[in-house]
C-alpha atoms as a PDB file:
ATOM      1  CA  UNK A   1     -30.760  34.159 169.517  1.00  0.00           C
ATOM      2  CA  UNK A   2     -31.936  33.452 173.052  1.00  0.00           C
ATOM      3  CA  UNK A   3     -35.458  34.600 173.835  1.00  0.00           C
ATOM      4  CA  UNK A   4     -36.342  36.186 177.153  1.00  0.00           C
ATOM      5  CA  UNK A   5     -39.655  34.392 177.412  1.00  0.00           C
ATOM      6  CA  UNK A   6     -39.689  30.675 178.055  1.00  0.00           C
ATOM      7  CA  UNK A   7     -42.969  30.317 176.160  1.00  0.00           C
ATOM      8  CA  UNK A   8     -41.356  31.661 172.983  1.00  0.00           C
ATOM      9  CA  UNK A   9     -38.593  29.072 173.267  1.00  0.00           C
ATOM     10  CA  UNK A  10     -41.151  26.313 173.885  1.00  0.00           C
ATOM     11  CA  UNK A  11     -43.237  27.358 170.880  1.00  0.00           C
ATOM     12  CA  UNK A  12     -40.146  27.375 168.656  1.00  0.00           C
ATOM     13  CA  UNK A  13     -39.189  23.897 169.868  1.00  0.00           C
ATOM     14  CA  UNK A  14     -42.737  22.701 169.244  1.00  0.00           C
ATOM     15  CA  UNK A  15     -42.671  24.126 165.718  1.00  0.00           C
ATOM     16  CA  UNK A  16     -39.492  22.170 164.992  1.00  0.00           C
ATOM     17  CA  UNK A  17     -40.969  18.978 166.464  1.00  0.00           C
ATOM     18  CA  UNK A  18     -44.287  19.285 164.622  1.00  0.00           C
ATOM     19  CA  UNK A  19     -42.508  20.129 161.391  1.00  0.00           C
ATOM     20  CA  UNK A  20     -40.582  16.852 161.617  1.00  0.00           C
ATOM     21  CA  UNK A  21     -43.683  14.916 162.645  1.00  0.00           C
ATOM     22  CA  UNK A  22     -45.941  16.118 159.842  1.00  0.00           C
ATOM     23  CA  UNK A  23     -43.360  15.904 157.088  1.00  0.00           C
ATOM     24  CA  UNK A  24     -44.758  12.478 156.194  1.00  0.00           C
ATOM     25  CA  UNK A  25     -48.383  13.549 155.862  1.00  0.00           C
ATOM     26  CA  UNK A  26     -50.143  12.022 152.851  1.00  0.00           C
ATOM     27  CA  UNK A  27     -50.673  14.326 149.884  1.00  0.00           C
ATOM     28  CA  UNK A  28     -54.440  14.167 150.261  1.00  0.00           C
ATOM     29  CA  UNK A  29     -54.046  15.763 153.713  1.00  0.00           C
ATOM     30  CA  UNK A  30     -51.927  18.676 152.510  1.00  0.00           C
ATOM     31  CA  UNK A  31     -54.582  21.192 153.558  1.00  0.00           C
ATOM     32  CA  UNK A  32     -54.565  19.894 157.121  1.00  0.00           C
ATOM     33  CA  UNK A  33     -50.779  19.923 157.128  1.00  0.00           C
ATOM     34  CA  UNK A  34     -50.633  23.537 155.966  1.00  0.00           C
ATOM     35  CA  UNK A  35     -53.234  24.580 158.545  1.00  0.00           C
ATOM     36  CA  UNK A  36     -51.159  23.037 161.336  1.00  0.00           C
ATOM     37  CA  UNK A  37     -48.012  24.795 160.149  1.00  0.00           C
ATOM     38  CA  UNK A  38     -49.759  28.157 159.683  1.00  0.00           C
ATOM     39  CA  UNK A  39     -51.403  27.922 163.088  1.00  0.00           C
ATOM     40  CA  UNK A  40     -48.055  27.242 164.742  1.00  0.00           C
ATOM     41  CA  UNK A  41     -46.468  30.293 163.124  1.00  0.00           C
ATOM     42  CA  UNK A  42     -49.515  32.421 163.977  1.00  0.00           C
ATOM     43  CA  UNK A  43     -49.191  31.226 167.571  1.00  0.00           C
ATOM     44  CA  UNK A  44     -45.570  32.363 167.683  1.00  0.00           C
ATOM     45  CA  UNK A  45     -46.377  35.680 166.015  1.00  0.00           C
ATOM     46  CA  UNK A  46     -49.306  36.455 168.318  1.00  0.00           C
ATOM     47  CA  UNK A  47     -47.186  35.589 171.350  1.00  0.00           C
ATOM     48  CA  UNK A  48     -44.561  38.101 170.231  1.00  0.00           C
ATOM     49  CA  UNK A  49     -47.236  40.750 169.625  1.00  0.00           C
ATOM     50  CA  UNK A  50     -48.834  40.071 172.999  1.00  0.00           C
ATOM     51  CA  UNK A  51     -45.489  40.487 174.707  1.00  0.00           C
ATOM     52  CA  UNK A  52     -44.594  43.720 172.918  1.00  0.00           C
ATOM     53  CA  UNK A  53     -47.928  45.516 173.363  1.00  0.00           C
ATOM     54  CA  UNK A  54     -48.549  47.025 176.764  1.00  0.00           C
ATOM     55  CA  UNK A  55     -51.949  48.600 176.051  1.00  0.00           C
ATOM     56  CA  UNK A  56     -55.406  47.116 175.471  1.00  0.00           C
ATOM     57  CA  UNK A  57     -54.108  45.339 172.350  1.00  0.00           C
ATOM     58  CA  UNK A  58     -52.164  42.994 174.607  1.00  0.00           C
ATOM     59  CA  UNK A  59     -55.404  41.315 175.695  1.00  0.00           C
ATOM     60  CA  UNK A  60     -56.476  40.955 172.069  1.00  0.00           C
ATOM     61  CA  UNK A  61     -53.267  39.108 171.192  1.00  0.00           C
ATOM     62  CA  UNK A  62     -53.510  36.951 174.298  1.00  0.00           C
ATOM     63  CA  UNK A  63     -56.981  35.902 173.171  1.00  0.00           C
ATOM     64  CA  UNK A  64     -55.613  35.147 169.703  1.00  0.00           C
ATOM     65  CA  UNK A  65     -52.966  32.907 171.292  1.00  0.00           C
ATOM     66  CA  UNK A  66     -55.722  30.968 173.075  1.00  0.00           C
ATOM     67  CA  UNK A  67     -57.620  30.602 169.801  1.00  0.00           C
ATOM     68  CA  UNK A  68     -54.453  29.406 168.030  1.00  0.00           C
ATOM     69  CA  UNK A  69     -53.894  26.803 170.746  1.00  0.00           C
ATOM     70  CA  UNK A  70     -57.471  25.544 170.514  1.00  0.00           C
ATOM     71  CA  UNK A  71     -57.299  25.278 166.743  1.00  0.00           C
ATOM     72  CA  UNK A  72     -53.953  23.506 166.910  1.00  0.00           C
ATOM     73  CA  UNK A  73     -55.416  21.080 169.420  1.00  0.00           C
ATOM     74  CA  UNK A  74     -58.314  20.383 167.048  1.00  0.00           C
ATOM     75  CA  UNK A  75     -56.072  19.878 164.009  1.00  0.00           C
ATOM     76  CA  UNK A  76     -53.770  17.508 165.861  1.00  0.00           C
ATOM     77  CA  UNK A  77     -56.677  15.503 167.273  1.00  0.00           C
ATOM     78  CA  UNK A  78     -58.137  15.296 163.792  1.00  0.00           C
ATOM     79  CA  UNK A  79     -54.802  14.008 162.524  1.00  0.00           C
ATOM     80  CA  UNK A  80     -54.741  11.394 165.260  1.00  0.00           C
ATOM     81  CA  UNK A  81     -58.312  10.304 164.532  1.00  0.00           C
ATOM     82  CA  UNK A  82     -57.392   9.877 160.884  1.00  0.00           C
ATOM     83  CA  UNK A  83     -54.357   7.868 162.073  1.00  0.00           C
ATOM     84  CA  UNK A  84     -51.961  10.177 160.271  1.00  0.00           C
ATOM     85  CA  UNK A  85     -49.881  10.771 163.380  1.00  0.00           C
END
């Protein structure tokens, strides 16, 4: 299925890439791994919601997307600092 929004396609591609990248996370970092995965799916979900809503809720979902991106950035930097990725 082809998405109308380029950002949706980019997020889906990023999910696939990150999924491959973090598949080799150590077991002791399973919580971090699950947080990265959940944040990516929340990012995709909030982007869909933000696109569908045309009222004041749209701004709420756009803010959630920004929060998801910031958290994902933190988790990935943490992974790099721990030399996992």
